[in-house]
Amino acid sequence: MNNPVEITEAAAFHVKKMMTHNEEEGSYLRVSVNGGGCSGLTYGLGFAAEKEEDDVFYTQHDIPVLVKGEDAAILAGTKVDYKESLMGGGFTIDNPNAIANCGCGTSFRTAQKAGTPADCE
């Protein structure tokens, strides 16, 4: 299996800065799918201290990455990037499996999984 999520060099640079700033060196970057949002599913990016049994684990740009086995198919081919603009910078997630996205920019659904839609706030 290929890595389900590609972490770009720009995103890896900012993840490393955040790991240092938050004293999370030695942690994993967890990319996840959660229920909720206007379209039914939301993305999660965070740090995890330990691997879980069903995790897909790989390293990209010296970042140890975890994706739950059940999320791997939903995230297959997804790219996490970091973009700068005049209004600031932030992480972007491009998932080719998403068939609908919410105007909020953080919610989606796929043909395989609709999730549990909730009201946007």
PDB file of N, CA and C in Angstrom:
ATOM      1  N   MET A   1       0.843  -1.182   0.000  1.00  0.00           N
ATOM      2  CA  MET A   1       0.000   0.000   0.000  1.00  0.00           C
ATOM      3  C   MET A   1       0.889   1.246   0.000  1.00  0.00           C
ATOM      4  N   ASN A   2       0.575   2.196  -0.851  1.00  0.00           N
ATOM      5  CA  ASN A   2       1.270   3.478  -0.839  1.00  0.00           C
ATOM      6  C   ASN A   2       0.850   4.252   0.400  1.00  0.00           C
ATOM      7  N   ASN A   3       1.640   5.257   0.746  1.00  0.00           N
ATOM      8  CA  ASN A   3       1.266   6.106   1.866  1.00  0.00           C
ATOM      9  C   ASN A   3      -0.072   6.761   1.558  1.00  0.00           C
ATOM     10  N   PRO A   4      -1.054   6.666   2.466  1.00  0.00           N
ATOM     11  CA  PRO A   4      -2.370   7.233   2.166  1.00  0.00           C
ATOM     12  C   PRO A   4      -2.365   8.753   2.040  1.00  0.00           C
ATOM     13  N   VAL A   5      -1.473   9.424   2.780  1.00  0.00           N
ATOM     14  CA  VAL A   5      -1.454  10.887   2.797  1.00  0.00           C
ATOM     15  C   VAL A   5      -0.050  11.373   2.472  1.00  0.00           C
ATOM     16  N   GLU A   6       0.040  12.317   1.534  1.00  0.00           N
ATOM     17  CA  GLU A   6       1.319  12.938   1.205  1.00  0.00           C
ATOM     18  C   GLU A   6       1.462  14.212   2.042  1.00  0.00           C
ATOM     19  N   ILE A   7       2.567  14.326   2.730  1.00  0.00           N
ATOM     20  CA  ILE A   7       2.901  15.531   3.487  1.00  0.00           C
ATOM     21  C   ILE A   7       3.933  16.280   2.655  1.00  0.00           C
ATOM     22  N   THR A   8       3.610  17.482   2.205  1.00  0.00           N
ATOM     23  CA  THR A   8       4.562  18.233   1.382  1.00  0.00           C
ATOM     24  C   THR A   8       5.711  18.740   2.252  1.00  0.00           C
ATOM     25  N   GLU A   9       6.784  19.172   1.603  1.00  0.00           N
ATOM     26  CA  GLU A   9       7.922  19.730   2.344  1.00  0.00           C
ATOM     27  C   GLU A   9       7.507  20.958   3.146  1.00  0.00           C
ATOM     28  N   ALA A  10       6.666  21.809   2.565  1.00  0.00           N
ATOM     29  CA  ALA A  10       6.213  23.017   3.266  1.00  0.00           C
ATOM     30  C   ALA A  10       5.425  22.640   4.515  1.00  0.00           C
ATOM     31  N   ALA A  11       4.531  21.652   4.399  1.00  0.00           N
ATOM     32  CA  ALA A  11       3.749  21.216   5.561  1.00  0.00           C
ATOM     33  C   ALA A  11       4.667  20.587   6.605  1.00  0.00           C
ATOM     34  N   ALA A  12       5.615  19.767   6.170  1.00  0.00           N
ATOM     35  CA  ALA A  12       6.539  19.119   7.106  1.00  0.00           C
ATOM     36  C   ALA A  12       7.352  20.155   7.875  1.00  0.00           C
ATOM     37  N   PHE A  13       7.789  21.209   7.204  1.00  0.00           N
ATOM     38  CA  PHE A  13       8.545  22.282   7.851  1.00  0.00           C
ATOM     39  C   PHE A  13       7.727  22.878   9.001  1.00  0.00           C
ATOM     40  N   HIS A  14       6.457  23.163   8.749  1.00  0.00           N
ATOM     41  CA  HIS A  14       5.608  23.779   9.769  1.00  0.00           C
ATOM     42  C   HIS A  14       5.215  22.786  10.859  1.00  0.00           C
ATOM     43  N   VAL A  15       5.048  21.518  10.514  1.00  0.00           N
ATOM     44  CA  VAL A  15       4.769  20.500  11.528  1.00  0.00           C
ATOM     45  C   VAL A  15       5.965  20.394  12.477  1.00  0.00           C
ATOM     46  N   LYS A  16       7.174  20.382  11.939  1.00  0.00           N
ATOM     47  CA  LYS A  16       8.374  20.308  12.784  1.00  0.00           C
ATOM     48  C   LYS A  16       8.459  21.513  13.713  1.00  0.00           C
ATOM     49  N   LYS A  17       8.158  22.717  13.189  1.00  0.00           N
ATOM     50  CA  LYS A  17       8.162  23.916  14.030  1.00  0.00           C
ATOM     51  C   LYS A  17       7.142  23.789  15.156  1.00  0.00           C
ATOM     52  N   MET A  18       5.961  23.269  14.836  1.00  0.00           N
ATOM     53  CA  MET A  18       4.923  23.109  15.850  1.00  0.00           C
ATOM     54  C   MET A  18       5.307  22.052  16.880  1.00  0.00           C
ATOM     55  N   MET A  19       5.954  20.971  16.423  1.00  0.00           N
ATOM     56  CA  MET A  19       6.408  19.933  17.353  1.00  0.00           C
ATOM     57  C   MET A  19       7.383  20.534  18.371  1.00  0.00           C
ATOM     58  N   THR A  20       8.306  21.351  17.884  1.00  0.00           N
ATOM     59  CA  THR A  20       9.284  21.984  18.775  1.00  0.00           C
ATOM     60  C   THR A  20       8.587  22.969  19.701  1.00  0.00           C
ATOM     61  N   HIS A  21       7.758  23.832  19.143  1.00  0.00           N
ATOM     62  CA  HIS A  21       7.073  24.854  19.931  1.00  0.00           C
ATOM     63  C   HIS A  21       6.195  24.242  21.018  1.00  0.00           C
ATOM     64  N   ASN A  22       5.526  23.133  20.706  1.00  0.00           N
ATOM     65  CA  ASN A  22       4.607  22.486  21.648  1.00  0.00           C
ATOM     66  C   ASN A  22       5.267  21.370  22.449  1.00  0.00           C
ATOM     67  N   GLU A  23       6.598  21.274  22.343  1.00  0.00           N
ATOM     68  CA  GLU A  23       7.360  20.231  23.039  1.00  0.00           C
ATOM     69  C   GLU A  23       6.807  18.835  22.736  1.00  0.00           C
ATOM     70  N   GLU A  24       6.592  18.582  21.458  1.00  0.00           N
ATOM     71  CA  GLU A  24       6.048  17.307  20.985  1.00  0.00           C
ATOM     72  C   GLU A  24       7.079  16.510  20.186  1.00  0.00           C
ATOM     73  N   GLU A  25       8.380  16.850  20.334  1.00  0.00           N
ATOM     74  CA  GLU A  25       9.403  16.083  19.631  1.00  0.00           C
ATOM     75  C   GLU A  25       9.270  14.622  20.049  1.00  0.00           C
ATOM     76  N   GLY A  26       9.397  13.717  19.104  1.00  0.00           N
ATOM     77  CA  GLY A  26       9.239  12.297  19.387  1.00  0.00           C
ATOM     78  C   GLY A  26       7.810  11.818  19.221  1.00  0.00           C
ATOM     79  N   SER A  27       6.882  12.734  18.990  1.00  0.00           N
ATOM     80  CA  SER A  27       5.486  12.356  18.749  1.00  0.00           C
ATOM     81  C   SER A  27       5.279  12.042  17.280  1.00  0.00           C
ATOM     82  N   TYR A  28       4.124  11.505  16.976  1.00  0.00           N
ATOM     83  CA  TYR A  28       3.700  11.219  15.609  1.00  0.00           C
ATOM     84  C   TYR A  28       2.729  12.307  15.159  1.00  0.00           C
ATOM     85  N   LEU A  29       2.686  12.567  13.860  1.00  0.00           N
ATOM     86  CA  LEU A  29       1.631  13.392  13.284  1.00  0.00           C
ATOM     87  C   LEU A  29       0.496  12.447  12.932  1.00  0.00           C
ATOM     88  N   ARG A  30      -0.673  12.655  13.533  1.00  0.00           N
ATOM     89  CA  ARG A  30      -1.838  11.825  13.214  1.00  0.00           C
ATOM     90  C   ARG A  30      -2.746  12.598  12.269  1.00  0.00           C
ATOM     91  N   VAL A  31      -3.034  11.984  11.116  1.00  0.00           N
ATOM     92  CA  VAL A  31      -3.996  12.521  10.154  1.00  0.00           C
ATOM     93  C   VAL A  31      -5.219  11.628  10.272  1.00  0.00           C
ATOM     94  N   SER A  32      -6.378  12.249  10.554  1.00  0.00           N
ATOM     95  CA  SER A  32      -7.560  11.435  10.829  1.00  0.00           C
ATOM     96  C   SER A  32      -8.804  11.975  10.144  1.00  0.00           C
ATOM     97  N   VAL A  33      -9.843  11.158  10.179  1.00  0.00           N
ATOM     98  CA  VAL A  33     -11.166  11.517   9.685  1.00  0.00           C
ATOM     99  C   VAL A  33     -12.115  11.364  10.856  1.00  0.00           C
ATOM    100  N   ASN A  34     -12.904  12.403  11.106  1.00  0.00           N
ATOM    101  CA  ASN A  34     -13.861  12.393  12.203  1.00  0.00           C
ATOM    102  C   ASN A  34     -15.255  12.677  11.660  1.00  0.00           C
ATOM    103  N   GLY A  35     -16.272  12.242  12.367  1.00  0.00           N
ATOM    104  CA  GLY A  35     -17.640  12.541  11.984  1.00  0.00           C
ATOM    105  C   GLY A  35     -17.981  13.988  12.316  1.00  0.00           C
ATOM    106  N   GLY A  36     -18.936  14.552  11.587  1.00  0.00           N
ATOM    107  CA  GLY A  36     -19.400  15.898  11.864  1.00  0.00           C
ATOM    108  C   GLY A  36     -19.188  16.838  10.708  1.00  0.00           C
ATOM    109  N   GLY A  37     -19.362  18.116  10.966  1.00  0.00           N
ATOM    110  CA  GLY A  37     -19.242  19.117   9.916  1.00  0.00           C
ATOM    111  C   GLY A  37     -20.473  19.126   9.034  1.00  0.00           C
ATOM    112  N   CYS A  38     -20.575  20.119   8.212  1.00  0.00           N
ATOM    113  CA  CYS A  38     -21.748  20.301   7.343  1.00  0.00           C
ATOM    114  C   CYS A  38     -21.943  19.149   6.361  1.00  0.00           C
ATOM    115  N   SER A  39     -20.835  18.567   5.901  1.00  0.00           N
ATOM    116  CA  SER A  39     -20.933  17.511   4.894  1.00  0.00           C
ATOM    117  C   SER A  39     -20.846  16.108   5.476  1.00  0.00           C
ATOM    118  N   GLY A  40     -20.565  15.992   6.779  1.00  0.00           N
ATOM    119  CA  GLY A  40     -20.576  14.678   7.419  1.00  0.00           C
ATOM    120  C   GLY A  40     -19.258  14.197   7.976  1.00  0.00           C
ATOM    121  N   LEU A  41     -18.142  14.638   7.398  1.00  0.00           N
ATOM    122  CA  LEU A  41     -16.820  14.228   7.864  1.00  0.00           C
ATOM    123  C   LEU A  41     -15.919  15.448   7.987  1.00  0.00           C
ATOM    124  N   THR A  42     -14.975  15.389   8.903  1.00  0.00           N
ATOM    125  CA  THR A  42     -13.987  16.456   9.049  1.00  0.00           C
ATOM    126  C   THR A  42     -12.600  15.838   9.142  1.00  0.00           C
ATOM    127  N   TYR A  43     -11.608  16.619   8.787  1.00  0.00           N
ATOM    128  CA  TYR A  43     -10.218  16.194   8.897  1.00  0.00           C
ATOM    129  C   TYR A  43      -9.686  16.527  10.274  1.00  0.00           C
ATOM    130  N   GLY A  44      -8.744  15.735  10.724  1.00  0.00           N
ATOM    131  CA  GLY A  44      -8.052  16.027  11.966  1.00  0.00           C
ATOM    132  C   GLY A  44      -6.559  15.944  11.738  1.00  0.00           C
ATOM    133  N   LEU A  45      -5.827  16.906  12.266  1.00  0.00           N
ATOM    134  CA  LEU A  45      -4.362  16.894  12.288  1.00  0.00           C
ATOM    135  C   LEU A  45      -3.962  17.142  13.735  1.00  0.00           C
ATOM    136  N   GLY A  46      -3.152  16.264  14.273  1.00  0.00           N
ATOM    137  CA  GLY A  46      -2.724  16.438  15.652  1.00  0.00           C
ATOM    138  C   GLY A  46      -1.521  15.571  15.948  1.00  0.00           C
ATOM    139  N   PHE A  47      -1.075  15.645  17.177  1.00  0.00           N
ATOM    140  CA  PHE A  47       0.071  14.850  17.598  1.00  0.00           C
ATOM    141  C   PHE A  47      -0.397  13.691  18.464  1.00  0.00           C
ATOM    142  N   ALA A  48       0.265  12.558  18.306  1.00  0.00           N
ATOM    143  CA  ALA A  48      -0.036  11.366  19.099  1.00  0.00           C
ATOM    144  C   ALA A  48       1.265  10.843  19.696  1.00  0.00           C
ATOM    145  N   ALA A  49       1.189  10.432  20.944  1.00  0.00           N
ATOM    146  CA  ALA A  49       2.380   9.924  21.631  1.00  0.00           C
ATOM    147  C   ALA A  49       2.656   8.464  21.285  1.00  0.00           C
ATOM    148  N   GLU A  50       1.596   7.722  20.942  1.00  0.00           N
ATOM    149  CA  GLU A  50       1.760   6.287  20.697  1.00  0.00           C
ATOM    150  C   GLU A  50       1.000   5.844  19.452  1.00  0.00           C
ATOM    151  N   LYS A  51       1.506   4.756  18.848  1.00  0.00           N
ATOM    152  CA  LYS A  51       0.804   4.119  17.734  1.00  0.00           C
ATOM    153  C   LYS A  51      -0.288   3.224  18.292  1.00  0.00           C
ATOM    154  N   GLU A  52      -1.354   3.078  17.523  1.00  0.00           N
ATOM    155  CA  GLU A  52      -2.405   2.129  17.863  1.00  0.00           C
ATOM    156  C   GLU A  52      -2.278   0.923  16.943  1.00  0.00           C
ATOM    157  N   GLU A  53      -2.882  -0.176  17.327  1.00  0.00           N
ATOM    158  CA  GLU A  53      -2.712  -1.446  16.632  1.00  0.00           C
ATOM    159  C   GLU A  53      -3.069  -1.390  15.149  1.00  0.00           C
ATOM    160  N   ASP A  54      -4.130  -0.667  14.791  1.00  0.00           N
ATOM    161  CA  ASP A  54      -4.578  -0.655  13.393  1.00  0.00           C
ATOM    162  C   ASP A  54      -3.995   0.501  12.580  1.00  0.00           C
ATOM    163  N   ASP A  55      -3.051   1.258  13.148  1.00  0.00           N
ATOM    164  CA  ASP A  55      -2.475   2.411  12.449  1.00  0.00           C
ATOM    165  C   ASP A  55      -1.601   2.014  11.265  1.00  0.00           C
ATOM    166  N   VAL A  56      -1.711   2.800  10.201  1.00  0.00           N
ATOM    167  CA  VAL A  56      -0.745   2.748   9.105  1.00  0.00           C
ATOM    168  C   VAL A  56       0.346   3.743   9.504  1.00  0.00           C
ATOM    169  N   PHE A  57       1.587   3.291   9.526  1.00  0.00           N
ATOM    170  CA  PHE A  57       2.699   4.135   9.947  1.00  0.00           C
ATOM    171  C   PHE A  57       3.705   4.273   8.815  1.00  0.00           C
ATOM    172  N   TYR A  58       4.194   5.496   8.603  1.00  0.00           N
ATOM    173  CA  TYR A  58       5.266   5.748   7.652  1.00  0.00           C
ATOM    174  C   TYR A  58       5.933   7.063   8.028  1.00  0.00           C
ATOM    175  N   THR A  59       7.071   7.319   7.425  1.00  0.00           N
ATOM    176  CA  THR A  59       7.804   8.559   7.670  1.00  0.00           C
ATOM    177  C   THR A  59       7.915   9.319   6.363  1.00  0.00           C
ATOM    178  N   GLN A  60       7.657  10.620   6.412  1.00  0.00           N
ATOM    179  CA  GLN A  60       7.779  11.465   5.229  1.00  0.00           C
ATOM    180  C   GLN A  60       8.416  12.786   5.643  1.00  0.00           C
ATOM    181  N   HIS A  61       9.502  13.161   4.969  1.00  0.00           N
ATOM    182  CA  HIS A  61      10.256  14.378   5.288  1.00  0.00           C
ATOM    183  C   HIS A  61      10.630  14.407   6.776  1.00  0.00           C
ATOM    184  N   ASP A  62      11.048  13.253   7.295  1.00  0.00           N
ATOM    185  CA  ASP A  62      11.445  13.091   8.703  1.00  0.00           C
ATOM    186  C   ASP A  62      10.300  13.295   9.686  1.00  0.00           C
ATOM    187  N   ILE A  63       9.056  13.241   9.222  1.00  0.00           N
ATOM    188  CA  ILE A  63       7.886  13.334  10.092  1.00  0.00           C
ATOM    189  C   ILE A  63       7.288  11.926  10.208  1.00  0.00           C
ATOM    190  N   PRO A  64       7.202  11.369  11.422  1.00  0.00           N
ATOM    191  CA  PRO A  64       6.517  10.084  11.576  1.00  0.00           C
ATOM    192  C   PRO A  64       5.002  10.312  11.510  1.00  0.00           C
ATOM    193  N   VAL A  65       4.338   9.634  10.576  1.00  0.00           N
ATOM    194  CA  VAL A  65       2.915   9.865  10.293  1.00  0.00           C
ATOM    195  C   VAL A  65       2.104   8.625  10.659  1.00  0.00           C
ATOM    196  N   LEU A  66       0.936   8.860  11.288  1.00  0.00           N
ATOM    197  CA  LEU A  66      -0.013   7.793  11.598  1.00  0.00           C
ATOM    198  C   LEU A  66      -1.354   8.092  10.942  1.00  0.00           C
ATOM    199  N   VAL A  67      -1.957   7.057  10.362  1.00  0.00           N
ATOM    200  CA  VAL A  67      -3.318   7.129   9.829  1.00  0.00           C
ATOM    201  C   VAL A  67      -4.014   5.858  10.292  1.00  0.00           C
ATOM    202  N   LYS A  68      -5.186   5.996  10.901  1.00  0.00           N
ATOM    203  CA  LYS A  68      -5.943   4.808  11.306  1.00  0.00           C
ATOM    204  C   LYS A  68      -6.222   3.954  10.077  1.00  0.00           C
ATOM    205  N   GLY A  69      -6.129   2.643  10.240  1.00  0.00           N
ATOM    206  CA  GLY A  69      -6.383   1.732   9.133  1.00  0.00           C
ATOM    207  C   GLY A  69      -7.726   1.975   8.477  1.00  0.00           C
ATOM    208  N   GLU A  70      -8.767   2.268   9.283  1.00  0.00           N
ATOM    209  CA  GLU A  70     -10.114   2.483   8.736  1.00  0.00           C
ATOM    210  C   GLU A  70     -10.223   3.795   7.960  1.00  0.00           C
ATOM    211  N   ASP A  71      -9.307   4.741   8.197  1.00  0.00           N
ATOM    212  CA  ASP A  71      -9.318   6.027   7.489  1.00  0.00           C
ATOM    213  C   ASP A  71      -8.458   6.008   6.224  1.00  0.00           C
ATOM    214  N   ALA A  72      -7.605   5.007   6.077  1.00  0.00           N
ATOM    215  CA  ALA A  72      -6.629   4.987   4.983  1.00  0.00           C
ATOM    216  C   ALA A  72      -7.293   5.056   3.608  1.00  0.00           C
ATOM    217  N   ALA A  73      -8.366   4.302   3.385  1.00  0.00           N
ATOM    218  CA  ALA A  73      -9.027   4.306   2.068  1.00  0.00           C
ATOM    219  C   ALA A  73      -9.682   5.659   1.789  1.00  0.00           C
ATOM    220  N   ILE A  74     -10.266   6.278   2.812  1.00  0.00           N
ATOM    221  CA  ILE A  74     -10.920   7.578   2.646  1.00  0.00           C
ATOM    222  C   ILE A  74      -9.889   8.659   2.319  1.00  0.00           C
ATOM    223  N   LEU A  75      -8.684   8.508   2.879  1.00  0.00           N
ATOM    224  CA  LEU A  75      -7.630   9.507   2.701  1.00  0.00           C
ATOM    225  C   LEU A  75      -6.651   9.183   1.569  1.00  0.00           C
ATOM    226  N   ALA A  76      -6.800   8.033   0.919  1.00  0.00           N
ATOM    227  CA  ALA A  76      -5.852   7.621  -0.126  1.00  0.00           C
ATOM    228  C   ALA A  76      -5.683   8.712  -1.182  1.00  0.00           C
ATOM    229  N   GLY A  77      -4.453   9.135  -1.390  1.00  0.00           N
ATOM    230  CA  GLY A  77      -4.156  10.158  -2.390  1.00  0.00           C
ATOM    231  C   GLY A  77      -4.260  11.584  -1.870  1.00  0.00           C
ATOM    232  N   THR A  78      -4.579  11.754  -0.595  1.00  0.00           N
ATOM    233  CA  THR A  78      -4.737  13.088  -0.010  1.00  0.00           C
ATOM    234  C   THR A  78      -3.381  13.768   0.151  1.00  0.00           C
ATOM    235  N   LYS A  79      -3.363  15.078  -0.088  1.00  0.00           N
ATOM    236  CA  LYS A  79      -2.149  15.871   0.068  1.00  0.00           C
ATOM    237  C   LYS A  79      -2.375  16.934   1.136  1.00  0.00           C
ATOM    238  N   VAL A  80      -1.473  16.951   2.142  1.00  0.00           N
ATOM    239  CA  VAL A  80      -1.478  17.999   3.160  1.00  0.00           C
ATOM    240  C   VAL A  80      -0.354  18.958   2.807  1.00  0.00           C
ATOM    241  N   ASP A  81      -0.707  20.223   2.637  1.00  0.00           N
ATOM    242  CA  ASP A  81       0.255  21.249   2.251  1.00  0.00           C
ATOM    243  C   ASP A  81       0.138  22.418   3.223  1.00  0.00           C
ATOM    244  N   TYR A  82       1.049  23.348   3.113  1.00  0.00           N
ATOM    245  CA  TYR A  82       0.987  24.586   3.890  1.00  0.00           C
ATOM    246  C   TYR A  82       1.128  25.723   2.902  1.00  0.00           C
ATOM    247  N   LYS A  83       0.182  26.637   2.912  1.00  0.00           N
ATOM    248  CA  LYS A  83       0.184  27.758   1.966  1.00  0.00           C
ATOM    249  C   LYS A  83       0.237  29.075   2.718  1.00  0.00           C
ATOM    250  N   GLU A  84       1.000  30.011   2.179  1.00  0.00           N
ATOM    251  CA  GLU A  84       1.083  31.372   2.709  1.00  0.00           C
ATOM    252  C   GLU A  84       0.295  32.291   1.786  1.00  0.00           C
ATOM    253  N   SER A  85      -0.377  33.277   2.383  1.00  0.00           N
ATOM    254  CA  SER A  85      -1.062  34.290   1.598  1.00  0.00           C
ATOM    255  C   SER A  85      -0.921  35.621   2.318  1.00  0.00           C
ATOM    256  N   LEU A  86      -1.447  36.660   1.741  1.00  0.00           N
ATOM    257  CA  LEU A  86      -1.394  37.971   2.382  1.00  0.00           C
ATOM    258  C   LEU A  86      -2.170  37.992   3.699  1.00  0.00           C
ATOM    259  N   MET A  87      -3.113  37.080   3.836  1.00  0.00           N
ATOM    260  CA  MET A  87      -3.932  37.012   5.049  1.00  0.00           C
ATOM    261  C   MET A  87      -3.338  36.073   6.095  1.00  0.00           C
ATOM    262  N   GLY A  88      -2.178  35.505   5.825  1.00  0.00           N
ATOM    263  CA  GLY A  88      -1.556  34.569   6.764  1.00  0.00           C
ATOM    264  C   GLY A  88      -1.325  33.232   6.089  1.00  0.00           C
ATOM    265  N   GLY A  89      -1.055  32.229   6.877  1.00  0.00           N
ATOM    266  CA  GLY A  89      -0.781  30.912   6.335  1.00  0.00           C
ATOM    267  C   GLY A  89      -1.580  29.853   7.066  1.00  0.00           C
ATOM    268  N   GLY A  90      -1.625  28.682   6.462  1.00  0.00           N
ATOM    269  CA  GLY A  90      -2.326  27.582   7.106  1.00  0.00           C
ATOM    270  C   GLY A  90      -2.214  26.303   6.297  1.00  0.00           C
ATOM    271  N   PHE A  91      -2.575  25.215   6.942  1.00  0.00           N
ATOM    272  CA  PHE A  91      -2.552  23.915   6.289  1.00  0.00           C
ATOM    273  C   PHE A  91      -3.745  23.790   5.352  1.00  0.00           C
ATOM    274  N   THR A  92      -3.520  23.146   4.217  1.00  0.00           N
ATOM    275  CA  THR A  92      -4.588  22.834   3.276  1.00  0.00           C
ATOM    276  C   THR A  92      -4.609  21.321   3.074  1.00  0.00           C
ATOM    277  N   ILE A  93      -5.790  20.781   2.847  1.00  0.00           N
ATOM    278  CA  ILE A  93      -5.939  19.346   2.629  1.00  0.00           C
ATOM    279  C   ILE A  93      -6.699  19.151   1.331  1.00  0.00           C
ATOM    280  N   ASP A  94      -6.085  18.423   0.402  1.00  0.00           N
ATOM    281  CA  ASP A  94      -6.698  18.137  -0.896  1.00  0.00           C
ATOM    282  C   ASP A  94      -6.926  16.637  -0.990  1.00  0.00           C
ATOM    283  N   ASN A  95      -8.192  16.237  -0.907  1.00  0.00           N
ATOM    284  CA  ASN A  95      -8.558  14.827  -0.929  1.00  0.00           C
ATOM    285  C   ASN A  95      -9.284  14.507  -2.235  1.00  0.00           C
ATOM    286  N   PRO A  96      -8.674  13.709  -3.110  1.00  0.00           N
ATOM    287  CA  PRO A  96      -9.324  13.396  -4.390  1.00  0.00           C
ATOM    288  C   PRO A  96     -10.559  12.508  -4.238  1.00  0.00           C
ATOM    289  N   ASN A  97     -10.768  11.937  -3.056  1.00  0.00           N
ATOM    290  CA  ASN A  97     -11.926  11.076  -2.821  1.00  0.00           C
ATOM    291  C   ASN A  97     -13.166  11.844  -2.379  1.00  0.00           C
ATOM    292  N   ALA A  98     -12.997  13.111  -2.042  1.00  0.00           N
ATOM    293  CA  ALA A  98     -14.130  13.921  -1.582  1.00  0.00           C
ATOM    294  C   ALA A  98     -15.052  14.222  -2.763  1.00  0.00           C
ATOM    295  N   ILE A  99     -16.340  13.911  -2.587  1.00  0.00           N
ATOM    296  CA  ILE A  99     -17.313  14.195  -3.645  1.00  0.00           C
ATOM    297  C   ILE A  99     -18.142  15.428  -3.310  1.00  0.00           C
ATOM    298  N   ALA A 100     -18.046  15.880  -2.058  1.00  0.00           N
ATOM    299  CA  ALA A 100     -18.735  17.103  -1.631  1.00  0.00           C
ATOM    300  C   ALA A 100     -17.910  17.751  -0.541  1.00  0.00           C
ATOM    301  N   ASN A 101     -17.824  19.068  -0.580  1.00  0.00           N
ATOM    302  CA  ASN A 101     -17.122  19.841   0.435  1.00  0.00           C
ATOM    303  C   ASN A 101     -18.062  20.916   0.950  1.00  0.00           C
ATOM    304  N   CYS A 102     -17.864  21.284   2.184  1.00  0.00           N
ATOM    305  CA  CYS A 102     -18.684  22.319   2.800  1.00  0.00           C
ATOM    306  C   CYS A 102     -18.060  23.684   2.541  1.00  0.00           C
ATOM    307  N   GLY A 103     -18.869  24.714   2.548  1.00  0.00           N
ATOM    308  CA  GLY A 103     -18.375  26.076   2.393  1.00  0.00           C
ATOM    309  C   GLY A 103     -17.428  26.476   3.511  1.00  0.00           C
ATOM    310  N   CYS A 104     -17.530  25.814   4.657  1.00  0.00           N
ATOM    311  CA  CYS A 104     -16.622  26.102   5.781  1.00  0.00           C
ATOM    312  C   CYS A 104     -15.184  25.744   5.418  1.00  0.00           C
ATOM    313  N   GLY A 105     -15.008  24.802   4.468  1.00  0.00           N
ATOM    314  CA  GLY A 105     -13.675  24.400   4.045  1.00  0.00           C
ATOM    315  C   GLY A 105     -13.059  23.288   4.863  1.00  0.00           C
ATOM    316  N   THR A 106     -13.759  22.787   5.875  1.00  0.00           N
ATOM    317  CA  THR A 106     -13.179  21.737   6.706  1.00  0.00           C
ATOM    318  C   THR A 106     -13.993  20.450   6.699  1.00  0.00           C
ATOM    319  N   SER A 107     -15.102  20.430   6.008  1.00  0.00           N
ATOM    320  CA  SER A 107     -15.977  19.272   6.014  1.00  0.00           C
ATOM    321  C   SER A 107     -16.102  18.697   4.605  1.00  0.00           C
ATOM    322  N   PHE A 108     -16.291  17.371   4.536  1.00  0.00           N
ATOM    323  CA  PHE A 108     -16.374  16.696   3.241  1.00  0.00           C
ATOM    324  C   PHE A 108     -17.140  15.390   3.410  1.00  0.00           C
ATOM    325  N   ARG A 109     -17.407  14.734   2.296  1.00  0.00           N
ATOM    326  CA  ARG A 109     -17.898  13.354   2.302  1.00  0.00           C
ATOM    327  C   ARG A 109     -17.347  12.660   1.078  1.00  0.00           C
ATOM    328  N   THR A 110     -17.332  11.348   1.137  1.00  0.00           N
ATOM    329  CA  THR A 110     -16.849  10.549   0.016  1.00  0.00           C
ATOM    330  C   THR A 110     -17.960   9.613  -0.429  1.00  0.00           C
ATOM    331  N   ALA A 111     -17.763   8.976  -1.569  1.00  0.00           N
ATOM    332  CA  ALA A 111     -18.750   8.016  -2.052  1.00  0.00           C
ATOM    333  C   ALA A 111     -18.844   6.823  -1.106  1.00  0.00           C
ATOM    334  N   GLN A 112     -17.733   6.473  -0.442  1.00  0.00           N
ATOM    335  CA  GLN A 112     -17.709   5.330   0.462  1.00  0.00           C
ATOM    336  C   GLN A 112     -18.271   5.648   1.841  1.00  0.00           C
ATOM    337  N   LYS A 113     -18.164   6.905   2.277  1.00  0.00           N
ATOM    338  CA  LYS A 113     -18.563   7.252   3.638  1.00  0.00           C
ATOM    339  C   LYS A 113     -19.163   8.645   3.675  1.00  0.00           C
ATOM    340  N   ALA A 114     -20.415   8.746   4.150  1.00  0.00           N
ATOM    341  CA  ALA A 114     -21.090  10.034   4.225  1.00  0.00           C
ATOM    342  C   ALA A 114     -20.887  10.712   5.572  1.00  0.00           C
ATOM    343  N   GLY A 115     -20.642   9.931   6.621  1.00  0.00           N
ATOM    344  CA  GLY A 115     -20.456  10.521   7.936  1.00  0.00           C
ATOM    345  C   GLY A 115     -21.770  10.951   8.563  1.00  0.00           C
ATOM    346  N   THR A 116     -21.681  11.876   9.510  1.00  0.00           N
ATOM    347  CA  THR A 116     -22.841  12.373  10.228  1.00  0.00           C
ATOM    348  C   THR A 116     -22.862  13.896  10.137  1.00  0.00           C
ATOM    349  N   PRO A 117     -23.604  14.453   9.174  1.00  0.00           N
ATOM    350  CA  PRO A 117     -23.623  15.908   9.024  1.00  0.00           C
ATOM    351  C   PRO A 117     -24.159  16.610  10.270  1.00  0.00           C
ATOM    352  N   ALA A 118     -23.595  17.784  10.534  1.00  0.00           N
ATOM    353  CA  ALA A 118     -24.029  18.634  11.639  1.00  0.00           C
ATOM    354  C   ALA A 118     -24.111  20.058  11.129  1.00  0.00           C
ATOM    355  N   ASP A 119     -24.760  20.927  11.862  1.00  0.00           N
ATOM    356  CA  ASP A 119     -24.880  22.319  11.464  1.00  0.00           C
ATOM    357  C   ASP A 119     -23.518  23.004  11.528  1.00  0.00           C
ATOM    358  N   CYS A 120     -23.240  23.881  10.560  1.00  0.00           N
ATOM    359  CA  CYS A 120     -22.029  24.704  10.586  1.00  0.00           C
ATOM    360  C   CYS A 120     -22.192  25.767  11.664  1.00  0.00           C
ATOM    361  N   GLU A 121     -21.090  26.104  12.281  1.00  0.00           N
ATOM    362  CA  GLU A 121     -21.130  27.152  13.293  1.00  0.00           C
ATOM    363  C   GLU A 121     -20.318  28.323  12.847  1.00  0.00           C
TER     364      GLU A 121
END
